[in-house]
Amino acid sequence: PDLTGHEKFGLGNVKYNISGIHVTAVELPSASISLLPGSGIKLVIGNASLTIDMNWNIRTWMFKDRGRSTVHISKVFVSAIFSTPLDNTGPESISLTSCRTTSGDIDIKLNGKS
């Protein structure tokens, strides 16, 4: 979905809109899934990366600008535990019990008129 909002900086507001968000690349060089006896499933993803392209525009009381942007996030690590019910009383279900995510580097390239 598009992101629209405003932030207050110094003497005025900055209105922004981010649209046309597309994930263009995902790399998962190290991923594993293991069973946790009696409790569920553990997912571990290491050293992943993600590239996102988007349109942006900003407006302040002094100027406005718009353009395209590429965001590359690397050194992403995710550890998640999912629990599953042990009984057979109802439909299959799964719930997220815990999740920890860290990212190392974020590279943002803005292309605009200014």
N, C-alpha and C. Protein backbone atom coordinates (compact mmCIF):
# COMPACT_ATOMS: atom_id res chain seq x y z
N PRO A 1 0.83 -1.21 0.00
CA PRO A 1 0.00 0.00 0.00
C PRO A 1 0.87 1.26 0.00
N ASP A 2 0.29 2.34 -0.48
CA ASP A 2 0.99 3.63 -0.48
C ASP A 2 1.10 4.16 0.94
N LEU A 3 2.13 4.98 1.17
CA LEU A 3 2.33 5.62 2.47
C LEU A 3 2.20 7.12 2.28
N THR A 4 1.32 7.74 3.05
CA THR A 4 1.10 9.18 2.98
C THR A 4 1.06 9.73 4.40
N GLY A 5 1.65 10.91 4.60
CA GLY A 5 1.62 11.50 5.92
C GLY A 5 2.35 12.82 5.96
N HIS A 6 2.60 13.28 7.17
CA HIS A 6 3.36 14.52 7.34
C HIS A 6 4.16 14.44 8.64
N GLU A 7 5.27 15.15 8.63
CA GLU A 7 6.14 15.23 9.80
C GLU A 7 6.45 16.70 10.05
N LYS A 8 6.61 17.06 11.31
CA LYS A 8 6.94 18.44 11.65
C LYS A 8 8.45 18.56 11.84
N PHE A 9 9.05 19.44 11.05
CA PHE A 9 10.49 19.71 11.13
C PHE A 9 10.68 21.21 11.27
N GLY A 10 11.36 21.62 12.32
CA GLY A 10 11.69 23.04 12.49
C GLY A 10 10.48 23.94 12.43
N LEU A 11 10.42 24.78 11.40
CA LEU A 11 9.37 25.79 11.28
C LEU A 11 8.14 25.36 10.49
N GLY A 12 8.14 24.12 9.98
CA GLY A 12 6.99 23.74 9.17
C GLY A 12 6.81 22.24 9.05
N ASN A 13 5.79 21.89 8.30
CA ASN A 13 5.47 20.49 8.07
C ASN A 13 6.03 20.03 6.73
N VAL A 14 6.40 18.78 6.68
CA VAL A 14 6.80 18.14 5.43
C VAL A 14 5.73 17.09 5.13
N LYS A 15 5.05 17.26 4.00
CA LYS A 15 4.07 16.27 3.56
C LYS A 15 4.76 15.33 2.59
N TYR A 16 4.48 14.03 2.75
CA TYR A 16 5.14 13.06 1.88
C TYR A 16 4.14 12.02 1.38
N ASN A 17 4.50 11.41 0.26
CA ASN A 17 3.74 10.31 -0.31
C ASN A 17 4.73 9.35 -0.95
N ILE A 18 4.62 8.09 -0.60
CA ILE A 18 5.43 7.03 -1.19
C ILE A 18 4.46 6.07 -1.86
N SER A 19 4.65 5.85 -3.16
CA SER A 19 3.70 5.02 -3.91
C SER A 19 4.45 4.10 -4.87
N GLY A 20 3.72 3.20 -5.46
CA GLY A 20 4.31 2.28 -6.43
C GLY A 20 5.41 1.43 -5.83
N ILE A 21 5.21 0.98 -4.61
CA ILE A 21 6.23 0.20 -3.91
C ILE A 21 6.27 -1.22 -4.50
N HIS A 22 7.46 -1.61 -4.96
CA HIS A 22 7.65 -2.94 -5.55
C HIS A 22 8.91 -3.58 -4.99
N VAL A 23 8.78 -4.80 -4.51
CA VAL A 23 9.95 -5.57 -4.11
C VAL A 23 10.53 -6.15 -5.40
N THR A 24 11.78 -5.78 -5.72
CA THR A 24 12.38 -6.21 -6.98
C THR A 24 13.39 -7.35 -6.81
N ALA A 25 13.86 -7.58 -5.59
CA ALA A 25 14.80 -8.68 -5.36
C ALA A 25 14.76 -9.12 -3.90
N VAL A 26 14.83 -10.42 -3.70
CA VAL A 26 14.93 -11.01 -2.36
C VAL A 26 15.98 -12.11 -2.44
N GLU A 27 16.93 -12.09 -1.53
CA GLU A 27 17.95 -13.14 -1.48
C GLU A 27 17.94 -13.75 -0.08
N LEU A 28 17.83 -15.08 -0.03
CA LEU A 28 17.84 -15.83 1.23
C LEU A 28 18.96 -16.87 1.16
N PRO A 29 20.21 -16.44 1.30
CA PRO A 29 21.32 -17.39 1.15
C PRO A 29 21.42 -18.43 2.25
N SER A 30 20.86 -18.14 3.40
CA SER A 30 20.93 -19.08 4.52
C SER A 30 19.58 -19.10 5.22
N ALA A 31 18.85 -20.21 5.05
CA ALA A 31 17.55 -20.34 5.70
C ALA A 31 17.39 -21.77 6.18
N SER A 32 16.80 -21.92 7.37
CA SER A 32 16.56 -23.27 7.88
C SER A 32 15.25 -23.31 8.65
N ILE A 33 14.64 -24.47 8.63
CA ILE A 33 13.42 -24.72 9.39
C ILE A 33 13.67 -25.97 10.23
N SER A 34 13.34 -25.88 11.52
CA SER A 34 13.51 -27.05 12.38
C SER A 34 12.26 -27.23 13.25
N LEU A 35 12.01 -28.48 13.59
CA LEU A 35 10.88 -28.80 14.45
C LEU A 35 11.29 -28.67 15.90
N LEU A 36 10.42 -28.08 16.71
CA LEU A 36 10.62 -27.98 18.15
C LEU A 36 9.64 -28.97 18.79
N PRO A 37 10.14 -30.10 19.25
CA PRO A 37 9.25 -31.15 19.76
C PRO A 37 8.26 -30.62 20.81
N GLY A 38 7.00 -30.89 20.57
CA GLY A 38 5.96 -30.52 21.51
C GLY A 38 5.52 -29.07 21.47
N SER A 39 6.17 -28.24 20.62
CA SER A 39 5.78 -26.84 20.64
C SER A 39 5.56 -26.20 19.27
N GLY A 40 6.35 -26.56 18.26
CA GLY A 40 6.12 -25.92 16.97
C GLY A 40 7.30 -25.99 16.03
N ILE A 41 7.51 -24.90 15.32
CA ILE A 41 8.49 -24.81 14.25
C ILE A 41 9.34 -23.56 14.45
N LYS A 42 10.66 -23.69 14.20
CA LYS A 42 11.56 -22.55 14.29
C LYS A 42 12.10 -22.27 12.88
N LEU A 43 12.00 -21.01 12.47
CA LEU A 43 12.50 -20.54 11.19
C LEU A 43 13.66 -19.59 11.45
N VAL A 44 14.79 -19.83 10.80
CA VAL A 44 15.95 -18.95 10.94
C VAL A 44 16.42 -18.57 9.53
N ILE A 45 16.51 -17.27 9.29
CA ILE A 45 17.01 -16.74 8.02
C ILE A 45 18.22 -15.87 8.34
N GLY A 46 19.33 -16.14 7.65
CA GLY A 46 20.55 -15.39 7.92
C GLY A 46 21.09 -14.71 6.69
N ASN A 47 21.61 -13.52 6.87
CA ASN A 47 22.29 -12.75 5.83
C ASN A 47 21.43 -12.54 4.59
N ALA A 48 20.16 -12.28 4.79
CA ALA A 48 19.24 -12.03 3.68
C ALA A 48 19.34 -10.59 3.20
N SER A 49 18.82 -10.34 2.00
CA SER A 49 18.78 -8.97 1.49
C SER A 49 17.49 -8.75 0.71
N LEU A 50 17.13 -7.49 0.57
CA LEU A 50 15.87 -7.09 -0.04
C LEU A 50 16.07 -5.78 -0.78
N THR A 51 15.56 -5.68 -2.00
CA THR A 51 15.62 -4.44 -2.77
C THR A 51 14.20 -4.00 -3.11
N ILE A 52 13.91 -2.72 -2.86
CA ILE A 52 12.58 -2.16 -3.07
C ILE A 52 12.70 -0.90 -3.93
N ASP A 53 11.87 -0.78 -4.97
CA ASP A 53 11.78 0.44 -5.78
C ASP A 53 10.46 1.13 -5.47
N MET A 54 10.45 2.46 -5.53
CA MET A 54 9.24 3.21 -5.22
C MET A 54 9.29 4.61 -5.81
N ASN A 55 8.12 5.24 -5.92
CA ASN A 55 8.00 6.65 -6.26
C ASN A 55 7.84 7.43 -4.96
N TRP A 56 8.31 8.67 -4.94
CA TRP A 56 8.15 9.50 -3.74
C TRP A 56 7.89 10.94 -4.16
N ASN A 57 7.23 11.66 -3.29
CA ASN A 57 7.13 13.11 -3.44
C ASN A 57 7.00 13.74 -2.07
N ILE A 58 7.60 14.92 -1.95
CA ILE A 58 7.53 15.68 -0.70
C ILE A 58 7.14 17.12 -1.02
N ARG A 59 6.52 17.75 -0.03
CA ARG A 59 6.11 19.14 -0.18
C ARG A 59 6.28 19.86 1.15
N THR A 60 6.92 21.02 1.12
CA THR A 60 7.04 21.88 2.29
C THR A 60 6.54 23.25 1.89
N TRP A 61 6.55 24.20 2.81
CA TRP A 61 6.12 25.56 2.47
C TRP A 61 7.12 26.23 1.53
N MET A 62 8.38 25.70 1.46
CA MET A 62 9.40 26.31 0.60
C MET A 62 9.55 25.65 -0.76
N PHE A 63 9.40 24.33 -0.83
CA PHE A 63 9.62 23.64 -2.09
C PHE A 63 8.86 22.32 -2.14
N LYS A 64 8.85 21.76 -3.35
CA LYS A 64 8.30 20.43 -3.52
C LYS A 64 9.21 19.68 -4.50
N ASP A 65 9.24 18.36 -4.36
CA ASP A 65 10.08 17.55 -5.21
C ASP A 65 9.48 16.15 -5.31
N ARG A 66 9.84 15.44 -6.35
CA ARG A 66 9.37 14.07 -6.52
C ARG A 66 10.40 13.30 -7.33
N GLY A 67 10.30 11.98 -7.28
CA GLY A 67 11.23 11.17 -8.03
C GLY A 67 11.05 9.69 -7.74
N ARG A 68 12.10 8.92 -8.03
CA ARG A 68 12.12 7.48 -7.79
C ARG A 68 13.18 7.19 -6.75
N SER A 69 13.02 6.07 -6.08
CA SER A 69 13.98 5.68 -5.06
C SER A 69 14.18 4.17 -5.09
N THR A 70 15.39 3.77 -4.77
CA THR A 70 15.70 2.35 -4.58
C THR A 70 16.27 2.19 -3.19
N VAL A 71 15.73 1.25 -2.44
CA VAL A 71 16.20 0.95 -1.09
C VAL A 71 16.71 -0.48 -1.08
N HIS A 72 17.96 -0.64 -0.64
CA HIS A 72 18.55 -1.98 -0.53
C HIS A 72 18.87 -2.23 0.94
N ILE A 73 18.26 -3.27 1.49
CA ILE A 73 18.47 -3.64 2.89
C ILE A 73 19.24 -4.96 2.89
N SER A 74 20.38 -4.99 3.59
CA SER A 74 21.19 -6.20 3.61
C SER A 74 21.56 -6.59 5.04
N LYS A 75 22.15 -7.76 5.16
CA LYS A 75 22.53 -8.32 6.45
C LYS A 75 21.31 -8.44 7.37
N VAL A 76 20.22 -8.97 6.80
CA VAL A 76 18.97 -9.15 7.54
C VAL A 76 18.98 -10.55 8.17
N PHE A 77 18.68 -10.58 9.46
CA PHE A 77 18.59 -11.84 10.19
C PHE A 77 17.22 -11.94 10.84
N VAL A 78 16.56 -13.09 10.69
CA VAL A 78 15.22 -13.31 11.24
C VAL A 78 15.23 -14.64 11.99
N SER A 79 14.66 -14.62 13.17
CA SER A 79 14.43 -15.85 13.93
C SER A 79 12.99 -15.81 14.40
N ALA A 80 12.20 -16.82 14.01
CA ALA A 80 10.78 -16.84 14.36
C ALA A 80 10.39 -18.23 14.84
N ILE A 81 9.52 -18.25 15.82
CA ILE A 81 8.99 -19.51 16.33
C ILE A 81 7.47 -19.49 16.16
N PHE A 82 6.97 -20.54 15.52
CA PHE A 82 5.54 -20.70 15.28
C PHE A 82 5.05 -21.87 16.12
N SER A 83 3.91 -21.68 16.78
CA SER A 83 3.35 -22.78 17.56
C SER A 83 2.18 -23.40 16.81
N THR A 84 2.03 -24.69 17.00
CA THR A 84 0.94 -25.42 16.37
C THR A 84 0.19 -26.18 17.46
N PRO A 85 -1.11 -26.31 17.34
CA PRO A 85 -1.86 -27.04 18.37
C PRO A 85 -1.51 -28.53 18.35
N LEU A 86 -1.50 -29.13 19.52
CA LEU A 86 -1.15 -30.54 19.63
C LEU A 86 -2.35 -31.47 19.52
N ASP A 87 -3.56 -30.91 19.61
CA ASP A 87 -4.74 -31.77 19.53
C ASP A 87 -5.34 -31.72 18.12
N ASN A 88 -6.23 -32.60 17.85
CA ASN A 88 -6.89 -32.66 16.55
C ASN A 88 -8.36 -32.26 16.66
N THR A 89 -8.65 -31.25 17.50
CA THR A 89 -10.04 -30.88 17.77
C THR A 89 -10.62 -29.91 16.75
N GLY A 90 -9.80 -29.27 15.95
CA GLY A 90 -10.35 -28.28 15.04
C GLY A 90 -9.51 -28.15 13.79
N PRO A 91 -9.76 -27.11 13.02
CA PRO A 91 -9.00 -26.91 11.78
C PRO A 91 -7.53 -26.61 12.10
N GLU A 92 -6.67 -26.94 11.15
CA GLU A 92 -5.24 -26.67 11.32
C GLU A 92 -5.02 -25.18 11.51
N SER A 93 -4.14 -24.83 12.44
CA SER A 93 -3.81 -23.42 12.65
C SER A 93 -2.36 -23.31 13.08
N ILE A 94 -1.83 -22.13 12.93
CA ILE A 94 -0.46 -21.84 13.34
C ILE A 94 -0.42 -20.40 13.83
N SER A 95 0.36 -20.14 14.87
CA SER A 95 0.45 -18.77 15.37
C SER A 95 1.91 -18.43 15.63
N LEU A 96 2.24 -17.16 15.46
CA LEU A 96 3.59 -16.67 15.70
C LEU A 96 3.78 -16.47 17.19
N THR A 97 4.73 -17.19 17.77
CA THR A 97 5.00 -17.11 19.20
C THR A 97 6.04 -16.05 19.51
N SER A 98 7.11 -16.01 18.71
CA SER A 98 8.14 -14.99 18.90
C SER A 98 8.81 -14.70 17.57
N CYS A 99 9.34 -13.49 17.45
CA CYS A 99 10.01 -13.08 16.22
C CYS A 99 11.06 -12.04 16.56
N ARG A 100 12.25 -12.22 16.03
CA ARG A 100 13.33 -11.25 16.22
C ARG A 100 13.97 -10.99 14.86
N THR A 101 14.08 -9.71 14.50
CA THR A 101 14.64 -9.33 13.22
C THR A 101 15.66 -8.22 13.42
N THR A 102 16.79 -8.33 12.75
CA THR A 102 17.79 -7.26 12.75
C THR A 102 18.24 -7.03 11.31
N SER A 103 18.64 -5.81 11.02
CA SER A 103 19.21 -5.52 9.71
C SER A 103 20.50 -4.75 9.91
N GLY A 104 21.46 -5.00 9.03
CA GLY A 104 22.77 -4.40 9.17
C GLY A 104 22.95 -3.12 8.39
N ASP A 105 22.68 -3.16 7.09
CA ASP A 105 22.93 -2.02 6.22
C ASP A 105 21.68 -1.65 5.45
N ILE A 106 21.46 -0.32 5.31
CA ILE A 106 20.37 0.19 4.48
C ILE A 106 20.96 1.24 3.56
N ASP A 107 20.82 1.03 2.25
CA ASP A 107 21.33 1.95 1.24
C ASP A 107 20.13 2.54 0.51
N ILE A 108 19.99 3.87 0.54
CA ILE A 108 18.86 4.55 -0.08
C ILE A 108 19.39 5.46 -1.19
N LYS A 109 18.87 5.26 -2.39
CA LYS A 109 19.23 6.12 -3.53
C LYS A 109 18.00 6.89 -3.95
N LEU A 110 18.07 8.21 -3.91
CA LEU A 110 16.95 9.08 -4.31
C LEU A 110 17.29 9.74 -5.63
N ASN A 111 16.38 9.67 -6.58
CA ASN A 111 16.52 10.36 -7.85
C ASN A 111 15.34 11.31 -7.96
N GLY A 112 15.64 12.61 -8.02
CA GLY A 112 14.59 13.61 -8.08
C GLY A 112 14.99 14.77 -8.94
N LYS A 113 14.16 15.78 -8.96
CA LYS A 113 14.43 16.97 -9.78
C LYS A 113 15.45 17.89 -9.12
N SER A 114 15.44 17.96 -7.79
CA SER A 114 16.36 18.88 -7.10
C SER A 114 17.70 18.24 -6.86
